[in-house]
Amino acid sequence: MSRVRAFASKRLSLSMTLWLLVLWTLLFAKFDPLVLLSGLLVALFIQLVFPLPRSRFFANFRLRQGLILAGVFLVDMVKAAVHVASVVVTGRDYECGVVRIDLRSSADNTMAVTAAMINLVPGTIVVELKRREGVIYLHVFDLEAQGGVEGVRAASLAQEERVLKALASAQTLETVGVKL
């Protein structure tokens, strides 16, 4: 019995089980006992058959900073979508450009989340990410309207700072010089 328990403890995670259960419930858009039971069974099955390595990435998650990160991200997405649509509809001239951003942190997870969030905002595309140097290159639509090269850098570094405040350890924050 102890072998089974050891096997399950290595593969099962309460937070992953809850996350998969929430996704299952959202998929069926119902909150009834059958959906919850089947979701729980599917979540356990997925973790046993397709185990993921343990990650401490969300161990330092700060709820308040996470809400700020999500809120500002959503506002940025809406503003950028409206801007891109207005440029396309009006047919006004615009100039694109590629901007180098030197991030403060070269941690894989931080760079990935920062790059993904920047990439999801309409009008910006990550064209290259250099992990060792902590550098990302962005293609920016209508560079002048974004405040030029310095405006894009400032917005990208502000995004990275919000990611760090929401997800990074206190030691990492101290190392890169970000205060809560």
N, C-alpha and C. Protein backbone atom coordinates (compact mmCIF):
# COMPACT_ATOMS: atom_id res chain seq x y z
N MET A 1 0.82 -1.20 0.00
CA MET A 1 0.00 0.00 0.00
C MET A 1 0.87 1.26 0.00
N SER A 2 2.01 1.23 0.67
CA SER A 2 2.85 2.42 0.74
C SER A 2 3.46 2.75 -0.61
N ARG A 3 3.67 1.73 -1.47
CA ARG A 3 4.20 2.00 -2.81
C ARG A 3 3.18 2.76 -3.66
N VAL A 4 1.94 2.38 -3.54
CA VAL A 4 0.86 3.06 -4.28
C VAL A 4 0.75 4.51 -3.80
N ARG A 5 0.82 4.70 -2.50
CA ARG A 5 0.73 6.05 -1.94
C ARG A 5 1.91 6.90 -2.39
N ALA A 6 3.11 6.34 -2.40
CA ALA A 6 4.30 7.07 -2.85
C ALA A 6 4.19 7.42 -4.33
N PHE A 7 3.70 6.48 -5.13
CA PHE A 7 3.52 6.71 -6.56
C PHE A 7 2.54 7.86 -6.79
N ALA A 8 1.41 7.81 -6.09
CA ALA A 8 0.39 8.84 -6.26
C ALA A 8 0.86 10.20 -5.75
N SER A 9 1.60 10.23 -4.67
CA SER A 9 2.04 11.51 -4.11
C SER A 9 3.04 12.20 -5.03
N LYS A 10 3.79 11.43 -5.83
CA LYS A 10 4.72 12.03 -6.78
C LYS A 10 4.01 12.61 -7.99
N ARG A 11 2.86 12.06 -8.33
CA ARG A 11 2.18 12.45 -9.56
C ARG A 11 0.98 13.35 -9.34
N LEU A 12 0.35 13.30 -8.18
CA LEU A 12 -0.87 14.06 -7.94
C LEU A 12 -0.57 15.34 -7.19
N SER A 13 -1.29 16.36 -7.56
CA SER A 13 -1.15 17.66 -6.92
C SER A 13 -2.55 18.22 -6.67
N LEU A 14 -2.78 18.70 -5.46
CA LEU A 14 -4.08 19.26 -5.13
C LEU A 14 -4.39 20.47 -6.01
N SER A 15 -3.41 21.36 -6.18
CA SER A 15 -3.66 22.56 -6.99
C SER A 15 -3.93 22.20 -8.45
N MET A 16 -3.22 21.23 -9.00
CA MET A 16 -3.47 20.81 -10.39
C MET A 16 -4.83 20.14 -10.50
N THR A 17 -5.18 19.34 -9.51
CA THR A 17 -6.50 18.69 -9.52
C THR A 17 -7.60 19.73 -9.51
N LEU A 18 -7.47 20.73 -8.65
CA LEU A 18 -8.50 21.79 -8.59
C LEU A 18 -8.55 22.58 -9.89
N TRP A 19 -7.38 22.88 -10.45
CA TRP A 19 -7.34 23.64 -11.71
C TRP A 19 -8.02 22.86 -12.83
N LEU A 20 -7.71 21.57 -12.96
CA LEU A 20 -8.33 20.75 -13.99
C LEU A 20 -9.83 20.60 -13.75
N LEU A 21 -10.22 20.53 -12.49
CA LEU A 21 -11.65 20.44 -12.16
C LEU A 21 -12.37 21.72 -12.55
N VAL A 22 -11.76 22.86 -12.31
CA VAL A 22 -12.36 24.15 -12.72
C VAL A 22 -12.50 24.20 -14.24
N LEU A 23 -11.45 23.79 -14.96
CA LEU A 23 -11.53 23.78 -16.43
C LEU A 23 -12.64 22.85 -16.92
N TRP A 24 -12.76 21.68 -16.29
CA TRP A 24 -13.79 20.73 -16.67
C TRP A 24 -15.18 21.32 -16.44
N THR A 25 -15.36 21.96 -15.29
CA THR A 25 -16.64 22.57 -14.96
C THR A 25 -16.97 23.70 -15.94
N LEU A 26 -15.97 24.51 -16.29
CA LEU A 26 -16.20 25.57 -17.27
C LEU A 26 -16.53 25.00 -18.65
N LEU A 27 -15.90 23.89 -18.99
CA LEU A 27 -16.15 23.25 -20.28
C LEU A 27 -17.61 22.83 -20.40
N PHE A 28 -18.17 22.29 -19.34
CA PHE A 28 -19.56 21.85 -19.38
C PHE A 28 -20.54 22.93 -18.95
N ALA A 29 -20.04 24.03 -18.42
CA ALA A 29 -20.88 25.16 -18.01
C ALA A 29 -22.00 24.74 -17.05
N LYS A 30 -21.70 23.74 -16.23
CA LYS A 30 -22.65 23.28 -15.23
C LYS A 30 -21.91 23.04 -13.93
N PHE A 31 -22.65 23.15 -12.85
CA PHE A 31 -22.07 22.88 -11.54
C PHE A 31 -22.99 21.88 -10.85
N ASP A 32 -22.93 20.63 -11.29
CA ASP A 32 -23.75 19.61 -10.64
C ASP A 32 -22.86 18.42 -10.24
N PRO A 33 -23.38 17.53 -9.40
CA PRO A 33 -22.55 16.44 -8.86
C PRO A 33 -21.92 15.54 -9.93
N LEU A 34 -22.65 15.23 -11.00
CA LEU A 34 -22.10 14.36 -12.03
C LEU A 34 -20.92 15.01 -12.75
N VAL A 35 -21.03 16.30 -13.05
CA VAL A 35 -19.94 17.01 -13.71
C VAL A 35 -18.73 17.09 -12.77
N LEU A 36 -18.97 17.36 -11.49
CA LEU A 36 -17.87 17.44 -10.53
C LEU A 36 -17.18 16.08 -10.35
N LEU A 37 -17.95 15.02 -10.25
CA LEU A 37 -17.37 13.69 -10.07
C LEU A 37 -16.59 13.27 -11.32
N SER A 38 -17.18 13.45 -12.49
CA SER A 38 -16.46 13.08 -13.71
C SER A 38 -15.23 13.96 -13.89
N GLY A 39 -15.31 15.24 -13.55
CA GLY A 39 -14.16 16.13 -13.63
C GLY A 39 -13.04 15.71 -12.70
N LEU A 40 -13.41 15.30 -11.50
CA LEU A 40 -12.41 14.82 -10.54
C LEU A 40 -11.72 13.56 -11.06
N LEU A 41 -12.49 12.64 -11.60
CA LEU A 41 -11.90 11.41 -12.15
C LEU A 41 -11.00 11.71 -13.34
N VAL A 42 -11.41 12.60 -14.21
CA VAL A 42 -10.59 12.97 -15.36
C VAL A 42 -9.31 13.66 -14.90
N ALA A 43 -9.41 14.55 -13.92
CA ALA A 43 -8.24 15.27 -13.41
C ALA A 43 -7.23 14.29 -12.81
N LEU A 44 -7.71 13.33 -12.04
CA LEU A 44 -6.81 12.34 -11.45
C LEU A 44 -6.19 11.45 -12.53
N PHE A 45 -6.99 11.04 -13.49
CA PHE A 45 -6.49 10.21 -14.60
C PHE A 45 -5.40 10.94 -15.38
N ILE A 46 -5.64 12.19 -15.71
CA ILE A 46 -4.67 12.97 -16.49
C ILE A 46 -3.34 13.08 -15.73
N GLN A 47 -3.41 13.33 -14.44
CA GLN A 47 -2.17 13.47 -13.66
C GLN A 47 -1.43 12.15 -13.52
N LEU A 48 -2.15 11.05 -13.43
CA LEU A 48 -1.50 9.75 -13.30
C LEU A 48 -0.89 9.28 -14.61
N VAL A 49 -1.58 9.53 -15.71
CA VAL A 49 -1.12 9.04 -17.01
C VAL A 49 -0.12 10.01 -17.65
N PHE A 50 -0.34 11.29 -17.49
CA PHE A 50 0.52 12.32 -18.10
C PHE A 50 1.12 13.23 -17.02
N PRO A 51 2.02 12.72 -16.20
CA PRO A 51 2.53 13.55 -15.09
C PRO A 51 3.40 14.71 -15.60
N LEU A 52 3.27 15.82 -14.93
CA LEU A 52 4.10 16.99 -15.21
C LEU A 52 5.15 17.12 -14.12
N PRO A 53 6.30 17.69 -14.45
CA PRO A 53 7.29 17.90 -13.38
C PRO A 53 6.78 18.94 -12.39
N ARG A 54 7.20 18.80 -11.17
CA ARG A 54 6.81 19.76 -10.14
C ARG A 54 7.45 21.10 -10.43
N SER A 55 6.69 22.15 -10.27
CA SER A 55 7.19 23.50 -10.50
C SER A 55 6.86 24.36 -9.30
N ARG A 56 7.80 25.16 -8.90
CA ARG A 56 7.58 26.09 -7.78
C ARG A 56 7.31 27.49 -8.31
N PHE A 57 6.98 27.60 -9.60
CA PHE A 57 6.82 28.90 -10.22
C PHE A 57 5.71 29.72 -9.56
N PHE A 58 4.61 29.10 -9.21
CA PHE A 58 3.50 29.82 -8.61
C PHE A 58 3.53 29.78 -7.08
N ALA A 59 4.62 29.29 -6.51
CA ALA A 59 4.73 29.20 -5.05
C ALA A 59 4.77 30.59 -4.41
N ASN A 60 5.23 31.59 -5.16
CA ASN A 60 5.36 32.94 -4.61
C ASN A 60 4.26 33.87 -5.09
N PHE A 61 3.19 33.31 -5.63
CA PHE A 61 2.12 34.12 -6.20
C PHE A 61 1.52 35.07 -5.16
N ARG A 62 1.40 36.34 -5.55
CA ARG A 62 0.80 37.36 -4.70
C ARG A 62 -0.52 37.77 -5.34
N LEU A 63 -1.62 37.52 -4.64
CA LEU A 63 -2.95 37.73 -5.21
C LEU A 63 -3.17 39.17 -5.67
N ARG A 64 -2.86 40.12 -4.81
CA ARG A 64 -3.09 41.54 -5.16
C ARG A 64 -2.29 41.93 -6.41
N GLN A 65 -1.02 41.54 -6.45
CA GLN A 65 -0.18 41.86 -7.61
C GLN A 65 -0.65 41.10 -8.85
N GLY A 66 -1.14 39.88 -8.65
CA GLY A 66 -1.69 39.10 -9.76
C GLY A 66 -2.92 39.75 -10.35
N LEU A 67 -3.78 40.30 -9.49
CA LEU A 67 -4.97 41.00 -9.98
C LEU A 67 -4.59 42.28 -10.72
N ILE A 68 -3.59 42.98 -10.23
CA ILE A 68 -3.11 44.18 -10.93
C ILE A 68 -2.55 43.78 -12.29
N LEU A 69 -1.74 42.73 -12.32
CA LEU A 69 -1.17 42.23 -13.58
C LEU A 69 -2.28 41.90 -14.58
N ALA A 70 -3.28 41.15 -14.15
CA ALA A 70 -4.38 40.76 -15.04
C ALA A 70 -5.19 41.97 -15.48
N GLY A 71 -5.47 42.88 -14.57
CA GLY A 71 -6.27 44.06 -14.91
C GLY A 71 -5.58 44.96 -15.91
N VAL A 72 -4.32 45.27 -15.67
CA VAL A 72 -3.58 46.14 -16.59
C VAL A 72 -3.42 45.44 -17.94
N PHE A 73 -3.19 44.13 -17.92
CA PHE A 73 -3.06 43.36 -19.16
C PHE A 73 -4.35 43.44 -19.99
N LEU A 74 -5.49 43.27 -19.35
CA LEU A 74 -6.76 43.34 -20.08
C LEU A 74 -7.00 44.74 -20.65
N VAL A 75 -6.70 45.76 -19.87
CA VAL A 75 -6.84 47.14 -20.36
C VAL A 75 -5.92 47.38 -21.55
N ASP A 76 -4.66 46.92 -21.44
CA ASP A 76 -3.71 47.06 -22.55
C ASP A 76 -4.21 46.37 -23.81
N MET A 77 -4.78 45.18 -23.64
CA MET A 77 -5.29 44.44 -24.80
C MET A 77 -6.42 45.19 -25.48
N VAL A 78 -7.35 45.71 -24.70
CA VAL A 78 -8.49 46.42 -25.28
C VAL A 78 -8.03 47.70 -25.97
N LYS A 79 -7.18 48.47 -25.29
CA LYS A 79 -6.69 49.71 -25.89
C LYS A 79 -5.93 49.44 -27.18
N ALA A 80 -5.09 48.42 -27.19
CA ALA A 80 -4.30 48.10 -28.38
C ALA A 80 -5.20 47.60 -29.51
N ALA A 81 -6.20 46.80 -29.19
CA ALA A 81 -7.12 46.31 -30.21
C ALA A 81 -7.89 47.45 -30.85
N VAL A 82 -8.35 48.39 -30.04
CA VAL A 82 -9.06 49.56 -30.56
C VAL A 82 -8.13 50.39 -31.43
N HIS A 83 -6.89 50.57 -30.98
CA HIS A 83 -5.92 51.35 -31.76
C HIS A 83 -5.64 50.72 -33.12
N VAL A 84 -5.34 49.41 -33.11
CA VAL A 84 -5.04 48.72 -34.36
C VAL A 84 -6.25 48.78 -35.30
N ALA A 85 -7.42 48.55 -34.77
CA ALA A 85 -8.63 48.60 -35.59
C ALA A 85 -8.85 49.99 -36.17
N SER A 86 -8.62 51.03 -35.37
CA SER A 86 -8.83 52.40 -35.87
C SER A 86 -7.84 52.74 -36.98
N VAL A 87 -6.60 52.30 -36.85
CA VAL A 87 -5.60 52.55 -37.90
C VAL A 87 -6.00 51.83 -39.19
N VAL A 88 -6.45 50.59 -39.06
CA VAL A 88 -6.84 49.81 -40.23
C VAL A 88 -8.08 50.41 -40.89
N VAL A 89 -9.07 50.78 -40.10
CA VAL A 89 -10.32 51.31 -40.65
C VAL A 89 -10.12 52.68 -41.29
N THR A 90 -9.35 53.55 -40.64
CA THR A 90 -9.15 54.90 -41.19
C THR A 90 -8.12 54.91 -42.31
N GLY A 91 -7.27 53.91 -42.37
CA GLY A 91 -6.28 53.84 -43.43
C GLY A 91 -5.14 54.83 -43.28
N ARG A 92 -4.94 55.34 -42.07
CA ARG A 92 -3.87 56.32 -41.88
C ARG A 92 -2.51 55.66 -41.96
N ASP A 93 -1.50 56.45 -42.29
CA ASP A 93 -0.14 55.93 -42.40
C ASP A 93 0.42 55.57 -41.03
N TYR A 94 1.25 54.57 -41.01
CA TYR A 94 1.89 54.14 -39.78
C TYR A 94 3.26 53.58 -40.12
N GLU A 95 4.10 53.53 -39.13
CA GLU A 95 5.45 53.00 -39.30
C GLU A 95 5.69 51.92 -38.25
N CYS A 96 6.15 50.77 -38.70
CA CYS A 96 6.47 49.67 -37.79
C CYS A 96 7.96 49.69 -37.48
N GLY A 97 8.34 48.98 -36.45
CA GLY A 97 9.74 48.89 -36.11
C GLY A 97 10.02 47.71 -35.19
N VAL A 98 11.28 47.36 -35.10
CA VAL A 98 11.72 46.31 -34.19
C VAL A 98 12.48 46.97 -33.05
N VAL A 99 12.11 46.60 -31.84
CA VAL A 99 12.69 47.22 -30.65
C VAL A 99 13.33 46.14 -29.78
N ARG A 100 14.54 46.44 -29.32
CA ARG A 100 15.26 45.54 -28.40
C ARG A 100 14.89 45.95 -26.97
N ILE A 101 14.49 44.95 -26.17
CA ILE A 101 14.16 45.18 -24.77
C ILE A 101 15.11 44.35 -23.92
N ASP A 102 15.90 45.02 -23.08
CA ASP A 102 16.78 44.34 -22.12
C ASP A 102 16.01 44.17 -20.82
N LEU A 103 15.57 42.94 -20.57
CA LEU A 103 14.80 42.66 -19.37
C LEU A 103 15.70 42.61 -18.14
N ARG A 104 15.12 42.84 -16.98
CA ARG A 104 15.89 42.80 -15.74
C ARG A 104 16.19 41.37 -15.32
N SER A 105 15.26 40.47 -15.59
CA SER A 105 15.41 39.08 -15.18
C SER A 105 15.58 38.19 -16.40
N SER A 106 16.51 37.26 -16.31
CA SER A 106 16.69 36.30 -17.41
C SER A 106 16.20 34.91 -16.99
N ALA A 107 15.40 34.85 -15.92
CA ALA A 107 14.82 33.57 -15.50
C ALA A 107 13.85 33.09 -16.58
N ASP A 108 13.93 31.81 -16.90
CA ASP A 108 13.12 31.25 -17.98
C ASP A 108 11.63 31.54 -17.82
N ASN A 109 11.09 31.26 -16.65
CA ASN A 109 9.65 31.42 -16.43
C ASN A 109 9.22 32.88 -16.54
N THR A 110 9.99 33.76 -15.96
CA THR A 110 9.65 35.19 -16.00
C THR A 110 9.71 35.70 -17.43
N MET A 111 10.75 35.33 -18.15
CA MET A 111 10.86 35.77 -19.54
C MET A 111 9.72 35.20 -20.38
N ALA A 112 9.36 33.95 -20.15
CA ALA A 112 8.29 33.32 -20.93
C ALA A 112 6.95 34.00 -20.69
N VAL A 113 6.63 34.26 -19.42
CA VAL A 113 5.35 34.91 -19.11
C VAL A 113 5.34 36.34 -19.65
N THR A 114 6.42 37.06 -19.45
CA THR A 114 6.50 38.44 -19.94
C THR A 114 6.36 38.48 -21.46
N ALA A 115 7.12 37.65 -22.15
CA ALA A 115 7.07 37.62 -23.61
C ALA A 115 5.69 37.21 -24.11
N ALA A 116 5.08 36.22 -23.46
CA ALA A 116 3.75 35.77 -23.88
C ALA A 116 2.71 36.87 -23.69
N MET A 117 2.76 37.58 -22.57
CA MET A 117 1.79 38.64 -22.33
C MET A 117 1.98 39.81 -23.29
N ILE A 118 3.23 40.15 -23.58
CA ILE A 118 3.49 41.21 -24.55
C ILE A 118 3.02 40.77 -25.93
N ASN A 119 3.26 39.53 -26.26
CA ASN A 119 2.89 38.99 -27.57
C ASN A 119 1.37 38.95 -27.76
N LEU A 120 0.62 38.77 -26.69
CA LEU A 120 -0.84 38.69 -26.79
C LEU A 120 -1.50 40.05 -26.98
N VAL A 121 -0.78 41.12 -26.74
CA VAL A 121 -1.34 42.47 -26.94
C VAL A 121 -1.29 42.78 -28.43
N PRO A 122 -2.42 43.12 -29.04
CA PRO A 122 -2.43 43.43 -30.47
C PRO A 122 -1.43 44.54 -30.81
N GLY A 123 -0.72 44.34 -31.92
CA GLY A 123 0.24 45.35 -32.37
C GLY A 123 1.67 45.06 -31.97
N THR A 124 1.89 44.03 -31.16
CA THR A 124 3.26 43.66 -30.79
C THR A 124 3.45 42.16 -31.01
N ILE A 125 4.59 41.81 -31.56
CA ILE A 125 4.92 40.41 -31.77
C ILE A 125 6.37 40.20 -31.33
N VAL A 126 6.59 39.20 -30.52
CA VAL A 126 7.95 38.85 -30.12
C VAL A 126 8.58 38.13 -31.30
N VAL A 127 9.65 38.70 -31.85
CA VAL A 127 10.31 38.07 -32.99
C VAL A 127 11.54 37.27 -32.58
N GLU A 128 12.11 37.60 -31.45
CA GLU A 128 13.25 36.82 -30.96
C GLU A 128 13.37 37.00 -29.45
N LEU A 129 13.80 35.92 -28.80
CA LEU A 129 14.01 35.95 -27.36
C LEU A 129 15.38 35.31 -27.11
N LYS A 130 16.27 36.08 -26.50
CA LYS A 130 17.60 35.56 -26.17
C LYS A 130 17.66 35.35 -24.66
N ARG A 131 17.52 34.10 -24.31
CA ARG A 131 17.41 33.74 -22.89
C ARG A 131 18.67 34.09 -22.11
N ARG A 132 19.81 33.74 -22.63
CA ARG A 132 21.06 33.96 -21.88
C ARG A 132 21.31 35.42 -21.58
N GLU A 133 20.97 36.28 -22.52
CA GLU A 133 21.19 37.72 -22.32
C GLU A 133 20.00 38.42 -21.68
N GLY A 134 18.86 37.75 -21.60
CA GLY A 134 17.66 38.38 -21.05
C GLY A 134 17.12 39.46 -21.96
N VAL A 135 17.11 39.19 -23.26
CA VAL A 135 16.72 40.19 -24.26
C VAL A 135 15.57 39.64 -25.09
N ILE A 136 14.59 40.50 -25.37
CA ILE A 136 13.56 40.16 -26.34
C ILE A 136 13.53 41.24 -27.42
N TYR A 137 13.22 40.84 -28.62
CA TYR A 137 13.04 41.77 -29.73
C TYR A 137 11.57 41.75 -30.11
N LEU A 138 10.99 42.94 -30.20
CA LEU A 138 9.57 43.07 -30.51
C LEU A 138 9.38 43.78 -31.85
N HIS A 139 8.48 43.26 -32.65
CA HIS A 139 8.02 43.99 -33.83
C HIS A 139 6.79 44.77 -33.36
N VAL A 140 6.81 46.08 -33.57
CA VAL A 140 5.75 46.94 -33.05
C VAL A 140 5.03 47.62 -34.19
N PHE A 141 3.73 47.50 -34.19
CA PHE A 141 2.86 48.16 -35.16
C PHE A 141 2.64 49.61 -34.72
N ASP A 142 2.79 50.54 -35.62
CA ASP A 142 2.60 51.97 -35.36
C ASP A 142 3.47 52.42 -34.18
N LEU A 143 4.75 52.35 -34.41
CA LEU A 143 5.75 52.62 -33.37
C LEU A 143 5.59 54.02 -32.77
N GLU A 144 5.31 55.01 -33.60
CA GLU A 144 5.18 56.38 -33.11
C GLU A 144 4.03 56.53 -32.11
N ALA A 145 2.92 55.88 -32.39
CA ALA A 145 1.76 55.97 -31.50
C ALA A 145 2.01 55.26 -30.17
N GLN A 146 2.99 54.36 -30.13
CA GLN A 146 3.32 53.65 -28.90
C GLN A 146 4.34 54.42 -28.06
N GLY A 147 4.67 55.62 -28.48
CA GLY A 147 5.64 56.43 -27.74
C GLY A 147 7.06 56.25 -28.25
N GLY A 148 7.19 55.72 -29.45
CA GLY A 148 8.52 55.50 -30.00
C GLY A 148 9.22 54.33 -29.32
N VAL A 149 10.50 54.21 -29.61
CA VAL A 149 11.28 53.11 -29.06
C VAL A 149 11.28 53.15 -27.53
N GLU A 150 11.47 54.33 -26.96
CA GLU A 150 11.52 54.44 -25.50
C GLU A 150 10.17 54.14 -24.85
N GLY A 151 9.09 54.51 -25.50
CA GLY A 151 7.76 54.20 -24.97
C GLY A 151 7.50 52.70 -24.94
N VAL A 152 7.91 52.01 -26.01
CA VAL A 152 7.75 50.56 -26.07
C VAL A 152 8.61 49.89 -25.00
N ARG A 153 9.84 50.37 -24.84
CA ARG A 153 10.72 49.81 -23.79
C ARG A 153 10.11 50.01 -22.41
N ALA A 154 9.63 51.22 -22.15
CA ALA A 154 9.06 51.51 -20.84
C ALA A 154 7.83 50.64 -20.57
N ALA A 155 6.96 50.48 -21.55
CA ALA A 155 5.76 49.65 -21.38
C ALA A 155 6.13 48.19 -21.17
N SER A 156 7.12 47.70 -21.91
CA SER A 156 7.54 46.31 -21.78
C SER A 156 8.19 46.05 -20.42
N LEU A 157 9.02 46.99 -19.97
CA LEU A 157 9.66 46.82 -18.66
C LEU A 157 8.64 46.94 -17.53
N ALA A 158 7.62 47.77 -17.72
CA ALA A 158 6.55 47.86 -16.72
C ALA A 158 5.78 46.54 -16.66
N GLN A 159 5.57 45.92 -17.82
CA GLN A 159 4.90 44.61 -17.85
C GLN A 159 5.75 43.56 -17.13
N GLU A 160 7.05 43.57 -17.40
CA GLU A 160 7.94 42.63 -16.73
C GLU A 160 7.91 42.86 -15.21
N GLU A 161 7.89 44.11 -14.80
CA GLU A 161 7.85 44.42 -13.37
C GLU A 161 6.57 43.89 -12.72
N ARG A 162 5.44 44.03 -13.41
CA ARG A 162 4.19 43.49 -12.87
C ARG A 162 4.25 41.97 -12.77
N VAL A 163 4.85 41.31 -13.76
CA VAL A 163 5.01 39.85 -13.72
C VAL A 163 5.89 39.47 -12.53
N LEU A 164 7.01 40.17 -12.37
CA LEU A 164 7.91 39.88 -11.26
C LEU A 164 7.21 40.08 -9.92
N LYS A 165 6.49 41.18 -9.77
CA LYS A 165 5.80 41.44 -8.50
C LYS A 165 4.75 40.38 -8.19
N ALA A 166 4.12 39.85 -9.23
CA ALA A 166 3.07 38.85 -9.02
C ALA A 166 3.62 37.46 -8.78
N LEU A 167 4.77 37.13 -9.40
CA LEU A 167 5.21 35.73 -9.41
C LEU A 167 6.59 35.44 -8.84
N ALA A 168 7.46 36.42 -8.77
CA ALA A 168 8.86 36.15 -8.38
C ALA A 168 9.02 36.06 -6.87
N SER A 169 10.08 35.38 -6.47
CA SER A 169 10.40 35.26 -5.04
C SER A 169 10.95 36.60 -4.53
N ALA A 170 10.93 36.76 -3.22
CA ALA A 170 11.47 37.99 -2.61
C ALA A 170 12.94 38.16 -2.95
N GLN A 171 13.67 37.05 -3.01
CA GLN A 171 15.09 37.10 -3.35
C GLN A 171 15.30 37.59 -4.79
N THR A 172 14.49 37.10 -5.71
CA THR A 172 14.59 37.54 -7.10
C THR A 172 14.25 39.01 -7.23
N LEU A 173 13.21 39.45 -6.52
CA LEU A 173 12.84 40.86 -6.57
C LEU A 173 13.98 41.74 -6.07
N GLU A 174 14.62 41.31 -5.00
CA GLU A 174 15.74 42.06 -4.46
C GLU A 174 16.91 42.09 -5.44
N THR A 175 17.17 40.94 -6.06
CA THR A 175 18.30 40.85 -7.02
C THR A 175 18.12 41.78 -8.19
N VAL A 176 16.89 41.86 -8.74
CA VAL A 176 16.67 42.69 -9.93
C VAL A 176 16.29 44.13 -9.58
N GLY A 177 16.13 44.42 -8.28
CA GLY A 177 15.87 45.78 -7.85
C GLY A 177 14.42 46.23 -7.98
N VAL A 178 13.48 45.30 -7.80
CA VAL A 178 12.06 45.64 -7.86
C VAL A 178 11.51 45.60 -6.45
N LYS A 179 10.81 46.67 -6.07
CA LYS A 179 10.21 46.74 -4.74
C LYS A 179 8.71 46.52 -4.83
N LEU A 180 8.17 45.83 -3.84
CA LEU A 180 6.71 45.60 -3.81
C LEU A 180 5.95 46.81 -3.41
